[in-house]
Amino acid sequence: MTKPRLPDAPQPSPGSAVVSVGTDLVHIPGFSAQLEQPGSVFAQRAFTARERREARNRSEERGTNPAQHLAARWAAKEAFIKAWSQALNTRAGEASAPVIVPDDVDWSDIEVVTDRWGRPSLRLRGAIARAVETSLGEGSGRPGAWPVSLTHDGDWAAAIVLAVTSP
């Protein structure tokens, strides 16, 4: 019996290039405590219903705490902001002001979604998607423009996000 063929890894478009990288590290116990504070609406504001559902499903499948899966997604959102900021600086050739001030970021507009094999990617929408397209050019908010990697081990969750330009 032959093993089933796994899908090919996503490949960047010919001529595309990585222009920046963002990374973030989250302490899961501290993040979990923030989620569990009485009256907290942080999870509802920072994560979409799909992200919360995926975290809950993954934790049930693995017998883990949903907070570790949400912490990795939070790290991805923070890493995206860092990669976007660096991409703006690279494009401008100098330090430039943020397009959206941190207090105005709707974190649920940066959504971590997974394909049927569990591979994560970012989906941008709303004001974030419009601001990315305006600041970096048409197509910069498209799926695949921001590859993401998530991990968690012990008390820590981390994410790396790349900003990829297309030809």
Foldseek 3Di string as FASTA:
>chain_A
DDDDDDDDDDDADPPKDWQFKFKFKDQQVVQVVQVPDPPDCCCVQQAPPVQQVVLVVVCVVVVHDSSQSVQQVVRLLRGVQVQLQSSLCSVVVHHDDDLDPPVPDRNHQWYWDADPVRATWTQGDDPVLVSSCVRPHPPQRPTPQWHKDWDDDDRMIMMMITGMDDD
